[in-house]
Structure formats: structure tokens, C-alpha cells
């Protein structure tokens, strides 16, 4: 019987050793797994950082192109405005010059033309008188 007690004692003394070995192996496996996952996290973070940088560069380039197009559009508008202002200034100067010297200028017409010709009809009465009155009122106005 003593032989039968001995394997149980031997077995009971081996169990803590096995538990200790399993604990050490589990810790080693978990440390290796943690190291592998940490390395993978670093690679993913580096990939995201590189992607962010590429996107930022792309958006900056797109913003630069957009601002260049807006600048070009404003430049054309400024040129058109400047040209219109120059023409208006020339017209105004000619008008002022004409008013003072009573000479003709190419930019301001000196002769007025009626938009519709006067039509005299065979009607007699207030219609004809009204048309003549309008003609006299429009056609003969003193210059100030």
C-alpha cells in the first residue's frame, strides 16, 4: 500500500510544477502576442499618418488650384471694370468739354435724332395739334 500512496504523493507534488510551467508558457505566449499586436498597431498608425499626409497635400494642392482660378476670375473682372471706367471717364470728359466749348466729341453725339418720325395725317383737330405740340416740345429745347 505504501506503493500506492507514493504515486499520489508524487502526483500531488508534480501538479504545482505543471501549473507553474503552464503559467510561464501562458505568460510567454501572451507577451509574444502583445509584442506582435503592438508592432501591428504601429504599422497601422504609420499607414494612417502617411494617408493623412497624402490627403492633406492633395487638399492643399486643390485649394491652391481653386484660389488660382478665383484670382484669375477676379483679375479679369478688374480688367473689365477698369476698361469700363476708362470709357466712362473719357465720355464724361468729352461731355464736360463739349458743354464748355460747344464743340463735338466722338464719344458724345452732338446731334439728336428722333426715334420715330413725325407722321402728319389728314386729321384736323386736336390730334394734329397734339402731335405738333409734342414735336415742338421735344425738338426745340434751349441748351443751358
N, C-alpha and C. Protein backbone atom coordinates (compact mmCIF):
# COMPACT_ATOMS: atom_id res chain seq x y z
N UNK A 1 0.76 -1.18 0.00
CA UNK A 1 0.00 0.00 0.00
C UNK A 1 0.81 1.26 0.00
N UNK A 2 1.93 1.09 0.53
CA UNK A 2 2.77 2.26 0.55
C UNK A 2 3.16 2.65 -0.87
N UNK A 3 3.16 1.67 -1.74
CA UNK A 3 3.47 1.98 -3.11
C UNK A 3 2.34 2.78 -3.74
N UNK A 4 1.13 2.50 -3.35
CA UNK A 4 0.01 3.22 -3.92
C UNK A 4 -0.04 4.65 -3.40
N UNK A 5 0.40 4.93 -2.21
CA UNK A 5 0.42 6.28 -1.68
C UNK A 5 1.52 7.09 -2.36
N UNK A 6 2.52 6.45 -2.69
CA UNK A 6 3.65 7.14 -3.29
C UNK A 6 3.29 7.76 -4.64
N UNK A 7 2.58 7.09 -5.54
CA UNK A 7 2.24 7.75 -6.80
C UNK A 7 1.32 8.94 -6.57
N UNK A 8 0.45 8.89 -5.58
CA UNK A 8 -0.43 10.02 -5.33
C UNK A 8 0.39 11.19 -4.80
N UNK A 9 1.32 10.90 -3.92
CA UNK A 9 2.17 11.96 -3.38
C UNK A 9 3.02 12.55 -4.49
N UNK A 10 3.52 11.66 -5.31
CA UNK A 10 4.33 12.11 -6.42
C UNK A 10 3.49 12.95 -7.38
N UNK A 11 2.27 12.53 -7.57
CA UNK A 11 1.35 13.24 -8.46
C UNK A 11 1.00 14.60 -7.86
N UNK A 12 0.79 14.66 -6.60
CA UNK A 12 0.44 15.92 -5.96
C UNK A 12 1.61 16.89 -5.95
N UNK A 13 2.82 16.41 -5.92
CA UNK A 13 3.97 17.30 -5.97
C UNK A 13 4.27 17.75 -7.40
N UNK A 14 3.84 17.01 -8.38
CA UNK A 14 4.06 17.37 -9.80
C UNK A 14 3.04 18.42 -10.24
N UNK A 15 1.85 18.40 -9.71
CA UNK A 15 0.80 19.33 -10.13
C UNK A 15 1.22 20.79 -9.95
N UNK A 16 1.76 21.21 -8.85
CA UNK A 16 2.19 22.60 -8.75
C UNK A 16 3.29 22.94 -9.76
N UNK A 17 4.16 22.01 -10.06
CA UNK A 17 5.20 22.25 -11.05
C UNK A 17 4.58 22.43 -12.44
N UNK A 18 3.58 21.58 -12.75
CA UNK A 18 2.90 21.69 -14.05
C UNK A 18 2.16 23.03 -14.13
N UNK A 19 1.50 23.39 -13.06
CA UNK A 19 0.79 24.68 -13.04
C UNK A 19 1.77 25.83 -13.25
N UNK A 20 2.90 25.76 -12.60
CA UNK A 20 3.92 26.79 -12.74
C UNK A 20 4.43 26.85 -14.18
N UNK A 21 4.69 25.71 -14.79
CA UNK A 21 5.16 25.66 -16.19
C UNK A 21 4.08 26.21 -17.14
N UNK A 22 2.82 25.84 -16.91
CA UNK A 22 1.73 26.34 -17.76
C UNK A 22 1.59 27.86 -17.61
N UNK A 23 1.74 28.34 -16.41
CA UNK A 23 1.66 29.79 -16.18
C UNK A 23 2.79 30.51 -16.92
N UNK A 24 3.99 29.98 -16.84
CA UNK A 24 5.12 30.59 -17.54
C UNK A 24 4.93 30.56 -19.05
N UNK A 25 4.45 29.44 -19.57
CA UNK A 25 4.22 29.32 -21.02
C UNK A 25 3.11 30.29 -21.45
N UNK A 26 2.04 30.37 -20.67
CA UNK A 26 0.94 31.28 -21.00
C UNK A 26 1.44 32.73 -20.99
N UNK A 27 2.23 33.08 -20.02
CA UNK A 27 2.79 34.44 -19.95
C UNK A 27 3.67 34.72 -21.16
N UNK A 28 4.50 33.76 -21.55
CA UNK A 28 5.38 33.93 -22.71
C UNK A 28 4.56 34.09 -23.99
N UNK A 29 3.53 33.29 -24.13
CA UNK A 29 2.65 33.37 -25.32
C UNK A 29 1.95 34.72 -25.35
N UNK A 30 1.43 35.17 -24.20
CA UNK A 30 0.72 36.46 -24.14
C UNK A 30 1.68 37.63 -24.41
N UNK A 31 2.91 37.56 -23.91
CA UNK A 31 3.89 38.61 -24.18
C UNK A 31 4.24 38.66 -25.67
N UNK A 32 4.41 37.51 -26.29
CA UNK A 32 4.72 37.46 -27.72
C UNK A 32 3.54 38.01 -28.53
N UNK A 33 2.34 37.63 -28.14
CA UNK A 33 1.14 38.12 -28.82
C UNK A 33 1.01 39.64 -28.65
N UNK A 34 1.27 40.13 -27.44
CA UNK A 34 1.21 41.56 -27.18
C UNK A 34 2.25 42.32 -28.02
N UNK A 35 3.46 41.78 -28.12
CA UNK A 35 4.50 42.41 -28.93
C UNK A 35 4.10 42.44 -30.40
N UNK A 36 3.53 41.34 -30.87
CA UNK A 36 3.09 41.28 -32.28
C UNK A 36 1.96 42.29 -32.54
N UNK A 37 1.00 42.35 -31.63
CA UNK A 37 -0.12 43.29 -31.80
C UNK A 37 0.36 44.75 -31.70
N UNK A 38 1.32 45.02 -30.83
CA UNK A 38 1.88 46.38 -30.72
C UNK A 38 2.58 46.77 -32.02
N UNK A 39 3.34 45.86 -32.59
CA UNK A 39 4.01 46.13 -33.87
C UNK A 39 2.99 46.39 -34.97
N UNK A 40 1.91 45.60 -34.97
CA UNK A 40 0.86 45.78 -35.97
C UNK A 40 0.17 47.13 -35.77
N UNK A 41 -0.08 47.52 -34.52
CA UNK A 41 -0.67 48.83 -34.24
C UNK A 41 0.22 49.96 -34.75
N UNK A 42 1.54 49.84 -34.53
CA UNK A 42 2.47 50.87 -35.02
C UNK A 42 2.42 50.97 -36.55
N UNK A 43 2.38 49.83 -37.22
CA UNK A 43 2.31 49.85 -38.70
C UNK A 43 1.01 50.49 -39.16
N UNK A 44 -0.10 50.17 -38.50
CA UNK A 44 -1.39 50.77 -38.87
C UNK A 44 -1.36 52.27 -38.63
N UNK A 45 -0.84 52.70 -37.47
CA UNK A 45 -0.74 54.14 -37.18
C UNK A 45 0.14 54.86 -38.19
N UNK A 46 1.26 54.24 -38.57
CA UNK A 46 2.14 54.83 -39.57
C UNK A 46 1.42 54.94 -40.92
N UNK A 47 0.63 53.91 -41.25
CA UNK A 47 -0.14 53.94 -42.50
C UNK A 47 -1.17 55.06 -42.50
N UNK A 48 -1.86 55.21 -41.35
CA UNK A 48 -2.83 56.30 -41.25
C UNK A 48 -2.16 57.66 -41.32
N UNK A 49 -1.01 57.80 -40.68
CA UNK A 49 -0.28 59.07 -40.72
C UNK A 49 0.15 59.41 -42.15
N UNK A 50 0.64 58.40 -42.87
CA UNK A 50 1.06 58.62 -44.26
C UNK A 50 -0.15 58.98 -45.12
N UNK A 51 -1.28 58.30 -44.90
CA UNK A 51 -2.50 58.60 -45.67
C UNK A 51 -2.99 60.02 -45.34
N UNK A 52 -2.95 60.40 -44.07
CA UNK A 52 -3.34 61.76 -43.69
C UNK A 52 -2.47 62.80 -44.38
N UNK A 53 -1.17 62.52 -44.44
CA UNK A 53 -0.25 63.46 -45.07
C UNK A 53 -0.55 63.59 -46.57
N UNK A 54 -0.81 62.44 -47.22
CA UNK A 54 -1.13 62.49 -48.65
C UNK A 54 -2.43 63.25 -48.89
N UNK A 55 -3.44 63.01 -48.05
CA UNK A 55 -4.71 63.72 -48.20
C UNK A 55 -4.54 65.22 -47.97
N UNK A 56 -3.76 65.57 -46.97
CA UNK A 56 -3.53 66.99 -46.69
C UNK A 56 -2.82 67.65 -47.87
N UNK A 57 -1.81 66.99 -48.43
CA UNK A 57 -1.11 67.53 -49.59
C UNK A 57 -2.06 67.67 -50.78
N UNK A 58 -2.93 66.69 -50.95
CA UNK A 58 -3.90 66.73 -52.05
C UNK A 58 -4.87 67.91 -51.87
N UNK A 59 -5.37 68.10 -50.63
CA UNK A 59 -6.30 69.19 -50.38
C UNK A 59 -5.62 70.55 -50.51
N UNK A 60 -4.37 70.64 -50.09
CA UNK A 60 -3.64 71.90 -50.24
C UNK A 60 -3.46 72.22 -51.72
N UNK A 61 -3.09 71.22 -52.50
CA UNK A 61 -2.93 71.43 -53.94
C UNK A 61 -4.25 71.84 -54.58
N UNK A 62 -5.34 71.20 -54.15
CA UNK A 62 -6.67 71.53 -54.68
C UNK A 62 -7.05 72.95 -54.28
N UNK A 63 -6.77 73.35 -53.03
CA UNK A 63 -7.06 74.70 -52.59
C UNK A 63 -6.26 75.72 -53.39
N UNK A 64 -5.00 75.40 -53.68
CA UNK A 64 -4.16 76.31 -54.45
C UNK A 64 -4.73 76.49 -55.85
N UNK A 65 -5.15 75.37 -56.48
CA UNK A 65 -5.75 75.48 -57.82
C UNK A 65 -7.04 76.30 -57.78
N UNK A 66 -7.85 76.08 -56.77
CA UNK A 66 -9.11 76.81 -56.65
C UNK A 66 -8.85 78.31 -56.44
N UNK A 67 -7.92 78.63 -55.57
CA UNK A 67 -7.61 80.03 -55.32
C UNK A 67 -7.00 80.69 -56.56
N UNK A 68 -6.22 79.95 -57.31
CA UNK A 68 -5.65 80.50 -58.55
C UNK A 68 -6.75 80.80 -59.56
N UNK A 69 -7.75 79.91 -59.65
CA UNK A 69 -8.87 80.14 -60.57
C UNK A 69 -9.69 81.35 -60.12
N UNK A 70 -9.93 81.48 -58.83
CA UNK A 70 -10.68 82.64 -58.32
C UNK A 70 -9.89 83.92 -58.57
N UNK A 71 -8.58 83.87 -58.34
CA UNK A 71 -7.74 85.03 -58.58
C UNK A 71 -7.78 85.44 -60.05
N UNK A 72 -7.72 84.47 -60.94
CA UNK A 72 -7.78 84.75 -62.38
C UNK A 72 -9.11 85.39 -62.75
N UNK A 73 -10.20 84.86 -62.15
CA UNK A 73 -11.53 85.41 -62.42
C UNK A 73 -11.61 86.86 -61.93
N UNK A 74 -11.11 87.13 -60.73
CA UNK A 74 -11.13 88.49 -60.21
C UNK A 74 -10.26 89.42 -61.04
N UNK A 75 -9.16 88.91 -61.54
CA UNK A 75 -8.28 89.71 -62.38
C UNK A 75 -9.00 90.13 -63.67
N UNK A 76 -9.73 89.19 -64.28
CA UNK A 76 -10.49 89.52 -65.49
C UNK A 76 -11.59 90.54 -65.18
N UNK A 77 -12.26 90.35 -64.04
CA UNK A 77 -13.30 91.31 -63.65
C UNK A 77 -12.70 92.69 -63.43
N UNK A 78 -11.55 92.75 -62.81
CA UNK A 78 -10.88 94.02 -62.55
C UNK A 78 -10.49 94.69 -63.87
N UNK A 79 -10.01 93.90 -64.83
CA UNK A 79 -9.65 94.46 -66.13
C UNK A 79 -10.89 95.03 -66.84
N UNK A 80 -11.99 94.27 -66.81
CA UNK A 80 -13.23 94.76 -67.43
C UNK A 80 -13.73 96.02 -66.74
N UNK A 81 -13.67 96.04 -65.43
CA UNK A 81 -14.12 97.21 -64.68
C UNK A 81 -13.25 98.41 -65.01
N UNK A 82 -11.94 98.20 -65.06
CA UNK A 82 -11.02 99.29 -65.36
C UNK A 82 -11.27 99.84 -66.76
N UNK A 83 -11.51 98.95 -67.72
CA UNK A 83 -11.78 99.37 -69.10
C UNK A 83 -13.09 100.17 -69.16
N UNK A 84 -14.13 99.66 -68.47
CA UNK A 84 -15.41 100.38 -68.46
C UNK A 84 -15.27 101.74 -67.78
N UNK A 85 -14.50 101.78 -66.71
CA UNK A 85 -14.29 103.05 -66.00
C UNK A 85 -13.54 104.03 -66.88
N UNK A 86 -12.54 103.55 -67.63
CA UNK A 86 -11.80 104.42 -68.55
C UNK A 86 -12.73 104.99 -69.62
N UNK A 87 -13.58 104.14 -70.19
CA UNK A 87 -14.51 104.60 -71.21
C UNK A 87 -15.50 105.60 -70.64
N UNK A 88 -15.99 105.36 -69.45
CA UNK A 88 -16.92 106.28 -68.81
C UNK A 88 -16.24 107.60 -68.50
N UNK A 89 -15.00 107.54 -68.06
CA UNK A 89 -14.25 108.77 -67.76
C UNK A 89 -14.03 109.58 -69.03
N UNK A 90 -13.68 108.91 -70.14
CA UNK A 90 -13.49 109.61 -71.41
C UNK A 90 -14.80 110.27 -71.85
N UNK A 91 -15.89 109.53 -71.75
CA UNK A 91 -17.19 110.07 -72.14
C UNK A 91 -17.54 111.28 -71.29
N UNK A 92 -17.32 111.18 -70.01
CA UNK A 92 -17.64 112.29 -69.11
C UNK A 92 -16.77 113.51 -69.43
N UNK A 93 -15.47 113.28 -69.67
CA UNK A 93 -14.58 114.39 -70.02
C UNK A 93 -15.02 115.06 -71.31
N UNK A 94 -15.41 114.25 -72.30
CA UNK A 94 -15.87 114.81 -73.56
C UNK A 94 -17.16 115.60 -73.36
N UNK A 95 -18.04 115.09 -72.53
CA UNK A 95 -19.29 115.78 -72.26
C UNK A 95 -19.03 117.13 -71.59
N UNK A 96 -18.14 117.13 -70.59
CA UNK A 96 -17.81 118.38 -69.91
C UNK A 96 -17.12 119.33 -70.87
N UNK A 97 -16.23 118.83 -71.67
CA UNK A 97 -15.52 119.65 -72.65
C UNK A 97 -16.51 120.23 -73.67
N UNK A 98 -17.45 119.42 -74.11
CA UNK A 98 -18.45 119.86 -75.09
C UNK A 98 -19.33 120.94 -74.49
N UNK A 99 -19.71 120.79 -73.24
CA UNK A 99 -20.58 121.77 -72.60
C UNK A 99 -19.85 123.11 -72.47
N UNK A 100 -18.54 123.07 -72.26
CA UNK A 100 -17.80 124.32 -72.08
C UNK A 100 -17.38 124.95 -73.40
N UNK A 101 -17.04 124.15 -74.37
CA UNK A 101 -16.53 124.71 -75.62
C UNK A 101 -17.54 124.61 -76.76
N UNK A 102 -18.63 123.88 -76.55
CA UNK A 102 -19.66 123.68 -77.57
C UNK A 102 -19.07 123.08 -78.85
N UNK A 103 -18.10 122.21 -78.68
CA UNK A 103 -17.52 121.50 -79.82
C UNK A 103 -17.98 120.06 -79.78
N UNK A 104 -17.84 119.40 -80.90
CA UNK A 104 -18.24 118.00 -80.99
C UNK A 104 -17.16 117.10 -80.44
N UNK A 105 -17.60 115.99 -79.88
CA UNK A 105 -16.68 114.97 -79.40
C UNK A 105 -17.15 113.64 -79.99
N UNK A 106 -16.24 112.75 -80.26
CA UNK A 106 -16.63 111.48 -80.87
C UNK A 106 -17.45 110.61 -79.91
N UNK A 107 -17.22 110.76 -78.63
CA UNK A 107 -17.88 109.88 -77.68
C UNK A 107 -19.30 110.33 -77.32
N UNK A 108 -19.60 111.64 -77.45
CA UNK A 108 -20.93 112.15 -77.11
C UNK A 108 -21.55 112.71 -78.38
N UNK A 109 -22.71 112.23 -78.77
CA UNK A 109 -23.32 112.75 -80.01
C UNK A 109 -23.78 114.19 -79.82
N UNK A 110 -23.54 115.01 -80.84
CA UNK A 110 -23.92 116.41 -80.80
C UNK A 110 -25.28 116.64 -81.45
N UNK A 111 -25.74 115.67 -82.19
CA UNK A 111 -26.99 115.81 -82.91
C UNK A 111 -27.96 114.75 -82.41
N UNK A 112 -29.16 115.19 -82.03
CA UNK A 112 -30.15 114.24 -81.55
C UNK A 112 -31.06 113.84 -82.69
N UNK A 113 -31.43 112.58 -82.73
CA UNK A 113 -32.29 112.07 -83.79
C UNK A 113 -33.54 111.53 -83.13
N UNK A 114 -34.68 111.86 -83.69
CA UNK A 114 -35.94 111.36 -83.15
C UNK A 114 -36.03 109.87 -83.42
N UNK A 115 -36.53 109.11 -82.42
CA UNK A 115 -36.64 107.68 -82.58
C UNK A 115 -37.76 107.29 -83.54
N UNK A 116 -38.83 108.09 -83.58
CA UNK A 116 -39.93 107.84 -84.53
C UNK A 116 -40.16 109.10 -85.34
N UNK A 117 -40.27 108.97 -86.65
CA UNK A 117 -40.51 110.17 -87.46
C UNK A 117 -41.93 110.71 -87.22
N UNK A 118 -42.05 112.03 -87.33
CA UNK A 118 -43.35 112.67 -87.14
C UNK A 118 -44.24 112.32 -88.33
N UNK A 119 -45.42 111.85 -88.06
CA UNK A 119 -46.35 111.49 -89.12
C UNK A 119 -47.52 112.47 -89.09
N UNK A 120 -47.70 113.19 -90.19
CA UNK A 120 -48.82 114.13 -90.28
C UNK A 120 -49.91 113.43 -91.06
N UNK A 121 -51.05 113.35 -90.43
CA UNK A 121 -52.18 112.67 -91.04
C UNK A 121 -53.19 113.71 -91.52
N UNK A 122 -54.08 113.26 -92.31
CA UNK A 122 -55.06 114.21 -92.80
C UNK A 122 -56.11 114.59 -91.76
N UNK A 123 -55.92 114.16 -90.53
CA UNK A 123 -56.88 114.53 -89.49
C UNK A 123 -56.67 115.98 -89.08
N UNK A 124 -57.73 116.63 -88.88
CA UNK A 124 -57.66 118.00 -88.42
C UNK A 124 -58.31 118.02 -87.04
N UNK A 125 -57.72 118.78 -86.19
CA UNK A 125 -58.30 118.88 -84.86
C UNK A 125 -57.23 118.69 -83.80
N UNK A 126 -57.66 118.22 -82.67
CA UNK A 126 -56.75 118.15 -81.51
C UNK A 126 -55.65 117.11 -81.68
N UNK A 127 -55.86 116.09 -82.51
CA UNK A 127 -54.84 115.07 -82.68
C UNK A 127 -53.62 115.67 -83.34
N UNK A 128 -53.83 116.39 -84.43
CA UNK A 128 -52.74 117.01 -85.14
C UNK A 128 -52.06 118.08 -84.28
N UNK A 129 -52.82 118.83 -83.58
CA UNK A 129 -52.27 119.86 -82.72
C UNK A 129 -51.43 119.22 -81.60
N UNK A 130 -51.89 118.10 -81.06
CA UNK A 130 -51.14 117.41 -80.01
C UNK A 130 -49.81 116.92 -80.56
N UNK A 131 -49.82 116.34 -81.76
CA UNK A 131 -48.56 115.85 -82.33
C UNK A 131 -47.60 116.99 -82.60
N UNK A 132 -48.08 118.12 -83.07
CA UNK A 132 -47.21 119.26 -83.34
C UNK A 132 -46.69 119.82 -82.01
N UNK A 133 -47.54 119.85 -80.99
CA UNK A 133 -47.10 120.35 -79.68
C UNK A 133 -45.99 119.46 -79.11
N UNK A 134 -46.16 118.18 -79.26
CA UNK A 134 -45.12 117.25 -78.79
C UNK A 134 -43.85 117.46 -79.60
N UNK A 135 -43.98 117.63 -80.89
CA UNK A 135 -42.82 117.87 -81.74
C UNK A 135 -42.09 119.14 -81.32
N UNK A 136 -42.85 120.20 -81.08
CA UNK A 136 -42.23 121.46 -80.68
C UNK A 136 -41.60 121.34 -79.29
N UNK A 137 -42.25 120.62 -78.41
CA UNK A 137 -41.74 120.47 -77.05
C UNK A 137 -40.44 119.67 -77.04
N UNK A 138 -40.38 118.59 -77.82
CA UNK A 138 -39.20 117.74 -77.84
C UNK A 138 -38.12 118.33 -78.72
N UNK A 139 -38.48 118.78 -79.87
CA UNK A 139 -37.49 119.20 -80.85
C UNK A 139 -36.82 120.52 -80.55
N UNK A 140 -37.51 121.44 -79.93
CA UNK A 140 -36.92 122.76 -79.71
C UNK A 140 -36.82 122.97 -78.20
N UNK A 141 -35.70 122.65 -77.66
CA UNK A 141 -35.44 122.91 -76.24
C UNK A 141 -34.14 123.68 -76.15
N UNK A 142 -34.13 124.72 -75.37
CA UNK A 142 -32.90 125.54 -75.27
C UNK A 142 -31.81 124.78 -74.50
N UNK A 143 -30.58 125.01 -74.92
CA UNK A 143 -29.43 124.43 -74.22
C UNK A 143 -29.06 125.33 -73.05
N UNK A 144 -28.76 124.74 -71.95
CA UNK A 144 -28.35 125.53 -70.76
C UNK A 144 -26.88 125.47 -70.57
